[in-house]
Protein backbone atom coordinates (compact mmCIF):
# COMPACT_ATOMS: atom_id res chain seq x y z
CA UNK A 1 0.00 0.00 0.00
CA UNK A 2 1.39 3.38 -0.98
CA UNK A 3 2.15 5.92 1.72
CA UNK A 4 -0.40 8.73 2.03
CA UNK A 5 2.41 11.23 2.68
CA UNK A 6 5.95 11.59 1.44
CA UNK A 7 8.30 9.54 3.57
CA UNK A 8 11.62 10.87 4.84
CA UNK A 9 14.68 9.58 6.71
CA UNK A 10 14.84 5.93 7.70
CA UNK A 11 11.19 5.37 6.75
CA UNK A 12 12.00 6.46 3.20
CA UNK A 13 15.09 4.25 2.99
CA UNK A 14 13.17 1.24 4.35
CA UNK A 15 10.29 1.73 1.91
CA UNK A 16 12.62 2.33 -1.04
CA UNK A 17 14.60 -0.79 -0.15
CA UNK A 18 11.42 -2.87 0.07
CA UNK A 19 10.36 -1.72 -3.40
CA UNK A 20 13.75 -1.41 -5.11
CA UNK A 21 13.36 -4.54 -7.22
CA UNK A 22 10.16 -3.19 -8.80
CA UNK A 23 11.99 -0.12 -10.12
CA UNK A 24 12.27 3.55 -9.29
CA UNK A 25 8.76 4.45 -10.49
CA UNK A 26 7.14 1.92 -8.18
CA UNK A 27 9.42 2.82 -5.28
CA UNK A 28 8.66 6.54 -5.68
CA UNK A 29 4.93 5.83 -5.77
CA UNK A 30 5.00 3.50 -2.75
CA UNK A 31 7.04 6.03 -0.75
CA UNK A 32 4.43 8.75 -1.32
CA UNK A 33 6.10 10.68 -4.15
CA UNK A 34 3.68 9.67 -6.90
CA UNK A 35 5.38 10.20 -10.23
CA UNK A 36 7.78 12.88 -8.90
CA UNK A 37 10.87 10.73 -9.35
CA UNK A 38 13.31 13.64 -9.14
CA UNK A 39 12.15 14.69 -5.66
CA UNK A 40 12.08 11.06 -4.56
CA UNK A 41 15.65 10.49 -5.75
CA UNK A 42 16.86 13.70 -4.08
CA UNK A 43 15.18 12.88 -0.76
CA UNK A 44 16.47 9.30 -0.90
CA UNK A 45 20.04 10.49 -1.50
CA UNK A 46 19.74 12.88 1.43
CA UNK A 47 18.29 10.19 3.72
CA UNK A 48 21.03 7.73 2.76
CA UNK A 49 23.68 10.37 3.37
CA UNK A 50 22.26 11.05 6.86
CA UNK A 51 22.47 7.30 7.55
CA UNK A 52 26.06 7.15 6.20
CA UNK A 53 25.00 4.86 3.36
CA UNK A 54 26.97 5.12 0.13
CA UNK A 55 24.22 4.52 -2.44
CA UNK A 56 24.39 5.67 -6.06
CA UNK A 57 21.49 3.63 -7.43
CA UNK A 58 18.25 2.34 -5.99
CA UNK A 59 19.28 -1.25 -6.69
CA UNK A 60 22.20 -0.87 -4.28
CA UNK A 61 19.70 -0.84 -1.39
CA UNK A 62 18.93 -4.52 -2.04
CA UNK A 63 21.24 -6.51 0.20
CA UNK A 64 22.60 -10.03 -0.10
CA UNK A 65 20.38 -10.97 2.84
CA UNK A 66 17.31 -9.83 0.88
CA UNK A 67 18.33 -12.06 -2.02
CA UNK A 68 18.87 -15.06 0.26
CA UNK A 69 15.49 -14.56 1.92
CA UNK A 70 13.79 -14.31 -1.46
CA UNK A 71 15.31 -17.57 -2.66
CA UNK A 72 13.87 -19.35 0.35
CA UNK A 73 15.26 -22.68 -0.79
CA UNK A 74 17.97 -22.91 1.84
CA UNK A 75 17.96 -25.39 4.66
CA UNK A 76 17.89 -24.09 8.21
CA UNK A 77 20.60 -25.61 10.34
CA UNK A 78 20.08 -25.19 14.07
CA UNK A 79 20.48 -27.19 17.27
CA UNK A 80 17.57 -29.35 18.43
CA UNK A 81 17.44 -27.57 21.77
CA UNK A 82 18.85 -24.35 23.17
CA UNK A 83 21.33 -26.36 25.29
CA UNK A 84 22.79 -28.31 22.35
CA UNK A 85 25.25 -26.80 19.92
PDB file of N, CA and C in Angstrom:
ATOM      1  N   UNK A   1       0.840  -1.174   0.000  1.00  0.00           N
ATOM      2  CA  UNK A   1       0.000   0.000   0.000  1.00  0.00           C
ATOM      3  C   UNK A   1       0.891   1.244   0.000  1.00  0.00           C
ATOM      4  N   UNK A   2       0.601   2.163  -0.861  1.00  0.00           N
ATOM      5  CA  UNK A   2       1.392   3.380  -0.983  1.00  0.00           C
ATOM      6  C   UNK A   2       1.178   4.281   0.231  1.00  0.00           C
ATOM      7  N   UNK A   3       2.223   4.982   0.600  1.00  0.00           N
ATOM      8  CA  UNK A   3       2.150   5.917   1.715  1.00  0.00           C
ATOM      9  C   UNK A   3       1.278   7.106   1.331  1.00  0.00           C
ATOM     10  N   UNK A   4       0.460   7.578   2.276  1.00  0.00           N
ATOM     11  CA  UNK A   4      -0.400   8.729   2.029  1.00  0.00           C
ATOM     12  C   UNK A   4       0.399  10.029   2.027  1.00  0.00           C
ATOM     13  N   UNK A   5       1.566  10.030   2.650  1.00  0.00           N
ATOM     14  CA  UNK A   5       2.408  11.231   2.683  1.00  0.00           C
ATOM     15  C   UNK A   5       3.816  10.851   2.249  1.00  0.00           C
ATOM     16  N   UNK A   6       4.579  11.841   1.854  1.00  0.00           N
ATOM     17  CA  UNK A   6       5.954  11.593   1.439  1.00  0.00           C
ATOM     18  C   UNK A   6       6.785  11.170   2.640  1.00  0.00           C
ATOM     19  N   UNK A   7       7.462  10.047   2.499  1.00  0.00           N
ATOM     20  CA  UNK A   7       8.303   9.543   3.570  1.00  0.00           C
ATOM     21  C   UNK A   7       9.661  10.227   3.548  1.00  0.00           C
ATOM     22  N   UNK A   8      10.303  10.255   4.705  1.00  0.00           N
ATOM     23  CA  UNK A   8      11.623  10.865   4.842  1.00  0.00           C
ATOM     24  C   UNK A   8      12.465  10.010   5.775  1.00  0.00           C
ATOM     25  N   UNK A   9      13.769  10.238   5.770  1.00  0.00           N
ATOM     26  CA  UNK A   9      14.678   9.580   6.705  1.00  0.00           C
ATOM     27  C   UNK A   9      14.682   8.069   6.567  1.00  0.00           C
ATOM     28  N   UNK A  10      14.753   7.393   7.716  1.00  0.00           N
ATOM     29  CA  UNK A  10      14.844   5.930   7.704  1.00  0.00           C
ATOM     30  C   UNK A  10      13.584   5.278   7.133  1.00  0.00           C
ATOM     31  N   UNK A  11      12.424   5.923   7.320  1.00  0.00           N
ATOM     32  CA  UNK A  11      11.189   5.371   6.745  1.00  0.00           C
ATOM     33  C   UNK A  11      11.276   5.345   5.225  1.00  0.00           C
ATOM     34  N   UNK A  12      11.837   6.397   4.652  1.00  0.00           N
ATOM     35  CA  UNK A  12      12.000   6.461   3.197  1.00  0.00           C
ATOM     36  C   UNK A  12      12.968   5.389   2.718  1.00  0.00           C
ATOM     37  N   UNK A  13      14.088   5.246   3.390  1.00  0.00           N
ATOM     38  CA  UNK A  13      15.089   4.253   2.990  1.00  0.00           C
ATOM     39  C   UNK A  13      14.505   2.850   3.095  1.00  0.00           C
ATOM     40  N   UNK A  14      13.782   2.566   4.173  1.00  0.00           N
ATOM     41  CA  UNK A  14      13.172   1.240   4.347  1.00  0.00           C
ATOM     42  C   UNK A  14      12.155   0.945   3.251  1.00  0.00           C
ATOM     43  N   UNK A  15      11.311   1.914   2.954  1.00  0.00           N
ATOM     44  CA  UNK A  15      10.293   1.730   1.914  1.00  0.00           C
ATOM     45  C   UNK A  15      10.937   1.577   0.538  1.00  0.00           C
ATOM     46  N   UNK A  16      11.931   2.414   0.255  1.00  0.00           N
ATOM     47  CA  UNK A  16      12.621   2.333  -1.038  1.00  0.00           C
ATOM     48  C   UNK A  16      13.304   0.982  -1.193  1.00  0.00           C
ATOM     49  N   UNK A  17      13.927   0.512  -0.117  1.00  0.00           N
ATOM     50  CA  UNK A  17      14.601  -0.794  -0.151  1.00  0.00           C
ATOM     51  C   UNK A  17      13.598  -1.919  -0.414  1.00  0.00           C
ATOM     52  N   UNK A  18      12.439  -1.836   0.236  1.00  0.00           N
ATOM     53  CA  UNK A  18      11.419  -2.873   0.066  1.00  0.00           C
ATOM     54  C   UNK A  18      10.866  -2.916  -1.354  1.00  0.00           C
ATOM     55  N   UNK A  19      10.931  -1.796  -2.058  1.00  0.00           N
ATOM     56  CA  UNK A  19      10.355  -1.720  -3.400  1.00  0.00           C
ATOM     57  C   UNK A  19      11.400  -1.567  -4.501  1.00  0.00           C
ATOM     58  N   UNK A  20      12.665  -1.659  -4.153  1.00  0.00           N
ATOM     59  CA  UNK A  20      13.746  -1.407  -5.114  1.00  0.00           C
ATOM     60  C   UNK A  20      13.701  -2.340  -6.319  1.00  0.00           C
ATOM     61  N   UNK A  21      13.347  -3.581  -6.111  1.00  0.00           N
ATOM     62  CA  UNK A  21      13.356  -4.545  -7.220  1.00  0.00           C
ATOM     63  C   UNK A  21      12.281  -4.255  -8.258  1.00  0.00           C
ATOM     64  N   UNK A  22      11.243  -3.517  -7.869  1.00  0.00           N
ATOM     65  CA  UNK A  22      10.163  -3.194  -8.803  1.00  0.00           C
ATOM     66  C   UNK A  22      10.487  -1.960  -9.642  1.00  0.00           C
ATOM     67  N   UNK A  23      11.578  -1.278  -9.332  1.00  0.00           N
ATOM     68  CA  UNK A  23      11.992  -0.124 -10.119  1.00  0.00           C
ATOM     69  C   UNK A  23      11.720   1.191  -9.419  1.00  0.00           C
ATOM     70  N   UNK A  24      12.337   2.247  -9.941  1.00  0.00           N
ATOM     71  CA  UNK A  24      12.272   3.551  -9.288  1.00  0.00           C
ATOM     72  C   UNK A  24      10.865   4.147  -9.329  1.00  0.00           C
ATOM     73  N   UNK A  25      10.118   3.904 -10.409  1.00  0.00           N
ATOM     74  CA  UNK A  25       8.763   4.453 -10.495  1.00  0.00           C
ATOM     75  C   UNK A  25       7.876   3.881  -9.400  1.00  0.00           C
ATOM     76  N   UNK A  26       7.938   2.570  -9.209  1.00  0.00           N
ATOM     77  CA  UNK A  26       7.140   1.920  -8.176  1.00  0.00           C
ATOM     78  C   UNK A  26       7.595   2.356  -6.793  1.00  0.00           C
ATOM     79  N   UNK A  27       8.903   2.411  -6.577  1.00  0.00           N
ATOM     80  CA  UNK A  27       9.425   2.819  -5.278  1.00  0.00           C
ATOM     81  C   UNK A  27       8.987   4.237  -4.943  1.00  0.00           C
ATOM     82  N   UNK A  28       9.084   5.153  -5.906  1.00  0.00           N
ATOM     83  CA  UNK A  28       8.663   6.535  -5.679  1.00  0.00           C
ATOM     84  C   UNK A  28       7.181   6.595  -5.313  1.00  0.00           C
ATOM     85  N   UNK A  29       6.364   5.856  -6.043  1.00  0.00           N
ATOM     86  CA  UNK A  29       4.930   5.835  -5.772  1.00  0.00           C
ATOM     87  C   UNK A  29       4.639   5.274  -4.379  1.00  0.00           C
ATOM     88  N   UNK A  30       5.249   4.146  -4.042  1.00  0.00           N
ATOM     89  CA  UNK A  30       5.000   3.502  -2.753  1.00  0.00           C
ATOM     90  C   UNK A  30       5.484   4.355  -1.582  1.00  0.00           C
ATOM     91  N   UNK A  31       6.480   5.180  -1.807  1.00  0.00           N
ATOM     92  CA  UNK A  31       7.036   6.034  -0.751  1.00  0.00           C
ATOM     93  C   UNK A  31       6.319   7.380  -0.648  1.00  0.00           C
ATOM     94  N   UNK A  32       5.251   7.553  -1.434  1.00  0.00           N
ATOM     95  CA  UNK A  32       4.433   8.746  -1.322  1.00  0.00           C
ATOM     96  C   UNK A  32       4.800   9.877  -2.262  1.00  0.00           C
ATOM     97  N   UNK A  33       5.658   9.634  -3.245  1.00  0.00           N
ATOM     98  CA  UNK A  33       6.096  10.682  -4.148  1.00  0.00           C
ATOM     99  C   UNK A  33       5.374  10.651  -5.491  1.00  0.00           C
ATOM    100  N   UNK A  34       4.423   9.753  -5.644  1.00  0.00           N
ATOM    101  CA  UNK A  34       3.678   9.666  -6.900  1.00  0.00           C
ATOM    102  C   UNK A  34       4.613   9.464  -8.071  1.00  0.00           C
ATOM    103  N   UNK A  35       4.486  10.315  -9.078  1.00  0.00           N
ATOM    104  CA  UNK A  35       5.383  10.199 -10.235  1.00  0.00           C
ATOM    105  C   UNK A  35       6.477  11.266 -10.220  1.00  0.00           C
ATOM    106  N   UNK A  36       6.715  11.884  -9.057  1.00  0.00           N
ATOM    107  CA  UNK A  36       7.784  12.877  -8.902  1.00  0.00           C
ATOM    108  C   UNK A  36       9.097  12.161  -8.554  1.00  0.00           C
ATOM    109  N   UNK A  37       9.676  11.548  -9.546  1.00  0.00           N
ATOM    110  CA  UNK A  37      10.875  10.728  -9.352  1.00  0.00           C
ATOM    111  C   UNK A  37      12.076  11.572  -8.947  1.00  0.00           C
ATOM    112  N   UNK A  38      12.172  12.789  -9.475  1.00  0.00           N
ATOM    113  CA  UNK A  38      13.315  13.644  -9.137  1.00  0.00           C
ATOM    114  C   UNK A  38      13.349  13.984  -7.652  1.00  0.00           C
ATOM    115  N   UNK A  39      12.211  14.374  -7.090  1.00  0.00           N
ATOM    116  CA  UNK A  39      12.152  14.689  -5.662  1.00  0.00           C
ATOM    117  C   UNK A  39      12.418  13.438  -4.835  1.00  0.00           C
ATOM    118  N   UNK A  40      11.847  12.329  -5.259  1.00  0.00           N
ATOM    119  CA  UNK A  40      12.075  11.057  -4.564  1.00  0.00           C
ATOM    120  C   UNK A  40      13.560  10.731  -4.528  1.00  0.00           C
ATOM    121  N   UNK A  41      14.225  10.815  -5.665  1.00  0.00           N
ATOM    122  CA  UNK A  41      15.655  10.492  -5.747  1.00  0.00           C
ATOM    123  C   UNK A  41      16.477  11.437  -4.873  1.00  0.00           C
ATOM    124  N   UNK A  42      16.134  12.714  -4.886  1.00  0.00           N
ATOM    125  CA  UNK A  42      16.859  13.697  -4.084  1.00  0.00           C
ATOM    126  C   UNK A  42      16.677  13.416  -2.585  1.00  0.00           C
ATOM    127  N   UNK A  43      15.454  13.163  -2.171  1.00  0.00           N
ATOM    128  CA  UNK A  43      15.182  12.877  -0.759  1.00  0.00           C
ATOM    129  C   UNK A  43      15.839  11.566  -0.331  1.00  0.00           C
ATOM    130  N   UNK A  44      15.843  10.582  -1.217  1.00  0.00           N
ATOM    131  CA  UNK A  44      16.466   9.299  -0.897  1.00  0.00           C
ATOM    132  C   UNK A  44      17.973   9.460  -0.745  1.00  0.00           C
ATOM    133  N   UNK A  45      18.594  10.225  -1.630  1.00  0.00           N
ATOM    134  CA  UNK A  45      20.036  10.486  -1.502  1.00  0.00           C
ATOM    135  C   UNK A  45      20.351  11.169  -0.175  1.00  0.00           C
ATOM    136  N   UNK A  46      19.534  12.144   0.181  1.00  0.00           N
ATOM    137  CA  UNK A  46      19.742  12.877   1.433  1.00  0.00           C
ATOM    138  C   UNK A  46      19.564  11.954   2.634  1.00  0.00           C
ATOM    139  N   UNK A  47      18.534  11.113   2.622  1.00  0.00           N
ATOM    140  CA  UNK A  47      18.285  10.190   3.724  1.00  0.00           C
ATOM    141  C   UNK A  47      19.427   9.185   3.855  1.00  0.00           C
ATOM    142  N   UNK A  48      19.914   8.677   2.731  1.00  0.00           N
ATOM    143  CA  UNK A  48      21.035   7.727   2.756  1.00  0.00           C
ATOM    144  C   UNK A  48      22.290   8.400   3.299  1.00  0.00           C
ATOM    145  N   UNK A  49      22.507   9.639   2.894  1.00  0.00           N
ATOM    146  CA  UNK A  49      23.678  10.372   3.374  1.00  0.00           C
ATOM    147  C   UNK A  49      23.615  10.555   4.888  1.00  0.00           C
ATOM    148  N   UNK A  50      22.438  10.877   5.414  1.00  0.00           N
ATOM    149  CA  UNK A  50      22.264  11.045   6.857  1.00  0.00           C
ATOM    150  C   UNK A  50      22.515   9.741   7.611  1.00  0.00           C
ATOM    151  N   UNK A  51      22.260   8.613   6.938  1.00  0.00           N
ATOM    152  CA  UNK A  51      22.470   7.298   7.548  1.00  0.00           C
ATOM    153  C   UNK A  51      23.867   6.749   7.248  1.00  0.00           C
ATOM    154  N   UNK A  52      24.707   7.557   6.608  1.00  0.00           N
ATOM    155  CA  UNK A  52      26.058   7.152   6.204  1.00  0.00           C
ATOM    156  C   UNK A  52      26.050   5.954   5.267  1.00  0.00           C
ATOM    157  N   UNK A  53      25.078   5.911   4.376  1.00  0.00           N
ATOM    158  CA  UNK A  53      25.004   4.862   3.363  1.00  0.00           C
ATOM    159  C   UNK A  53      25.521   5.425   2.050  1.00  0.00           C
ATOM    160  N   UNK A  54      26.439   4.726   1.428  1.00  0.00           N
ATOM    161  CA  UNK A  54      26.967   5.121   0.126  1.00  0.00           C
ATOM    162  C   UNK A  54      26.151   4.428  -0.954  1.00  0.00           C
ATOM    163  N   UNK A  55      25.116   5.103  -1.449  1.00  0.00           N
ATOM    164  CA  UNK A  55      24.218   4.520  -2.444  1.00  0.00           C
ATOM    165  C   UNK A  55      24.156   5.442  -3.646  1.00  0.00           C
ATOM    166  N   UNK A  56      24.459   4.895  -4.821  1.00  0.00           N
ATOM    167  CA  UNK A  56      24.385   5.667  -6.059  1.00  0.00           C
ATOM    168  C   UNK A  56      23.155   5.308  -6.879  1.00  0.00           C
ATOM    169  N   UNK A  57      22.665   4.094  -6.701  1.00  0.00           N
ATOM    170  CA  UNK A  57      21.494   3.628  -7.434  1.00  0.00           C
ATOM    171  C   UNK A  57      20.545   2.927  -6.485  1.00  0.00           C
ATOM    172  N   UNK A  58      19.279   2.962  -6.820  1.00  0.00           N
ATOM    173  CA  UNK A  58      18.249   2.339  -5.991  1.00  0.00           C
ATOM    174  C   UNK A  58      18.534   0.855  -5.773  1.00  0.00           C
ATOM    175  N   UNK A  59      19.022   0.191  -6.787  1.00  0.00           N
ATOM    176  CA  UNK A  59      19.276  -1.252  -6.689  1.00  0.00           C
ATOM    177  C   UNK A  59      20.331  -1.597  -5.645  1.00  0.00           C
ATOM    178  N   UNK A  60      21.168  -0.626  -5.280  1.00  0.00           N
ATOM    179  CA  UNK A  60      22.200  -0.873  -4.276  1.00  0.00           C
ATOM    180  C   UNK A  60      21.620  -1.032  -2.871  1.00  0.00           C
ATOM    181  N   UNK A  61      20.348  -0.670  -2.689  1.00  0.00           N
ATOM    182  CA  UNK A  61      19.702  -0.838  -1.390  1.00  0.00           C
ATOM    183  C   UNK A  61      19.329  -2.297  -1.131  1.00  0.00           C
ATOM    184  N   UNK A  62      19.254  -3.101  -2.185  1.00  0.00           N
ATOM    185  CA  UNK A  62      18.930  -4.518  -2.042  1.00  0.00           C
ATOM    186  C   UNK A  62      20.185  -5.231  -1.554  1.00  0.00           C
ATOM    187  N   UNK A  63      20.086  -5.866  -0.409  1.00  0.00           N
ATOM    188  CA  UNK A  63      21.243  -6.513   0.197  1.00  0.00           C
ATOM    189  C   UNK A  63      21.308  -7.993  -0.169  1.00  0.00           C
ATOM    190  N   UNK A  64      22.452  -8.591   0.113  1.00  0.00           N
ATOM    191  CA  UNK A  64      22.600 -10.033  -0.102  1.00  0.00           C
ATOM    192  C   UNK A  64      21.598 -10.796   0.757  1.00  0.00           C
ATOM    193  N   UNK A  65      21.339 -10.311   1.957  1.00  0.00           N
ATOM    194  CA  UNK A  65      20.377 -10.967   2.844  1.00  0.00           C
ATOM    195  C   UNK A  65      18.988 -10.976   2.217  1.00  0.00           C
ATOM    196  N   UNK A  66      18.601  -9.879   1.562  1.00  0.00           N
ATOM    197  CA  UNK A  66      17.308  -9.827   0.877  1.00  0.00           C
ATOM    198  C   UNK A  66      17.225 -10.899  -0.199  1.00  0.00           C
ATOM    199  N   UNK A  67      18.315 -11.066  -0.939  1.00  0.00           N
ATOM    200  CA  UNK A  67      18.332 -12.060  -2.021  1.00  0.00           C
ATOM    201  C   UNK A  67      18.229 -13.474  -1.462  1.00  0.00           C
ATOM    202  N   UNK A  68      18.914 -13.734  -0.361  1.00  0.00           N
ATOM    203  CA  UNK A  68      18.866 -15.060   0.261  1.00  0.00           C
ATOM    204  C   UNK A  68      17.462 -15.353   0.761  1.00  0.00           C
ATOM    205  N   UNK A  69      16.840 -14.372   1.412  1.00  0.00           N
ATOM    206  CA  UNK A  69      15.488 -14.559   1.923  1.00  0.00           C
ATOM    207  C   UNK A  69      14.495 -14.797   0.797  1.00  0.00           C
ATOM    208  N   UNK A  70      14.686 -14.139  -0.328  1.00  0.00           N
ATOM    209  CA  UNK A  70      13.790 -14.305  -1.465  1.00  0.00           C
ATOM    210  C   UNK A  70      13.900 -15.702  -2.061  1.00  0.00           C
ATOM    211  N   UNK A  71      15.129 -16.236  -2.098  1.00  0.00           N
ATOM    212  CA  UNK A  71      15.311 -17.571  -2.661  1.00  0.00           C
ATOM    213  C   UNK A  71      14.547 -18.593  -1.842  1.00  0.00           C
ATOM    214  N   UNK A  72      14.644 -18.499  -0.536  1.00  0.00           N
ATOM    215  CA  UNK A  72      13.871 -19.351   0.353  1.00  0.00           C
ATOM    216  C   UNK A  72      14.061 -20.842   0.172  1.00  0.00           C
ATOM    217  N   UNK A  73      15.077 -21.258  -0.546  1.00  0.00           N
ATOM    218  CA  UNK A  73      15.260 -22.683  -0.788  1.00  0.00           C
ATOM    219  C   UNK A  73      16.325 -23.279   0.122  1.00  0.00           C
ATOM    220  N   UNK A  74      16.903 -22.430   0.960  1.00  0.00           N
ATOM    221  CA  UNK A  74      17.967 -22.910   1.839  1.00  0.00           C
ATOM    222  C   UNK A  74      17.431 -23.757   2.964  1.00  0.00           C
ATOM    223  N   UNK A  75      18.315 -24.537   3.535  1.00  0.00           N
ATOM    224  CA  UNK A  75      17.958 -25.392   4.656  1.00  0.00           C
ATOM    225  C   UNK A  75      18.414 -24.722   5.937  1.00  0.00           C
ATOM    226  N   UNK A  76      17.541 -24.693   6.936  1.00  0.00           N
ATOM    227  CA  UNK A  76      17.886 -24.090   8.213  1.00  0.00           C
ATOM    228  C   UNK A  76      18.628 -25.125   9.049  1.00  0.00           C
ATOM    229  N   UNK A  77      19.799 -24.731   9.511  1.00  0.00           N
ATOM    230  CA  UNK A  77      20.596 -25.612  10.345  1.00  0.00           C
ATOM    231  C   UNK A  77      20.663 -24.984  11.721  1.00  0.00           C
ATOM    232  N   UNK A  78      20.126 -25.708  12.712  1.00  0.00           N
ATOM    233  CA  UNK A  78      20.081 -25.189  14.070  1.00  0.00           C
ATOM    234  C   UNK A  78      20.087 -26.364  15.047  1.00  0.00           C
ATOM    235  N   UNK A  79      20.504 -26.117  16.284  1.00  0.00           N
ATOM    236  CA  UNK A  79      20.478 -27.187  17.269  1.00  0.00           C
ATOM    237  C   UNK A  79      19.048 -27.599  17.600  1.00  0.00           C
ATOM    238  N   UNK A  80      18.898 -28.855  18.070  1.00  0.00           N
ATOM    239  CA  UNK A  80      17.567 -29.346  18.426  1.00  0.00           C
ATOM    240  C   UNK A  80      17.004 -28.620  19.648  1.00  0.00           C
ATOM    241  N   UNK A  81      17.859 -28.290  20.572  1.00  0.00           N
ATOM    242  CA  UNK A  81      17.437 -27.570  21.766  1.00  0.00           C
ATOM    243  C   UNK A  81      18.398 -26.415  22.006  1.00  0.00           C
ATOM    244  N   UNK A  82      18.000 -25.511  22.894  1.00  0.00           N
ATOM    245  CA  UNK A  82      18.852 -24.354  23.167  1.00  0.00           C
ATOM    246  C   UNK A  82      20.112 -24.740  23.921  1.00  0.00           C
ATOM    247  N   UNK A  83      20.141 -25.938  24.548  1.00  0.00           N
ATOM    248  CA  UNK A  83      21.329 -26.357  25.293  1.00  0.00           C
ATOM    249  C   UNK A  83      22.311 -27.154  24.447  1.00  0.00           C
ATOM    250  N   UNK A  84      21.904 -27.565  23.238  1.00  0.00           N
ATOM    251  CA  UNK A  84      22.792 -28.311  22.348  1.00  0.00           C
ATOM    252  C   UNK A  84      23.371 -27.371  21.311  1.00  0.00           C
ATOM    253  N   UNK A  85      24.622 -27.593  20.991  1.00  0.00           N
ATOM    254  CA  UNK A  85      25.252 -26.803  19.925  1.00  0.00           C
ATOM    255  C   UNK A  85      25.435 -27.633  18.695  1.00  0.00           C
TER     256      UNK A  85
END
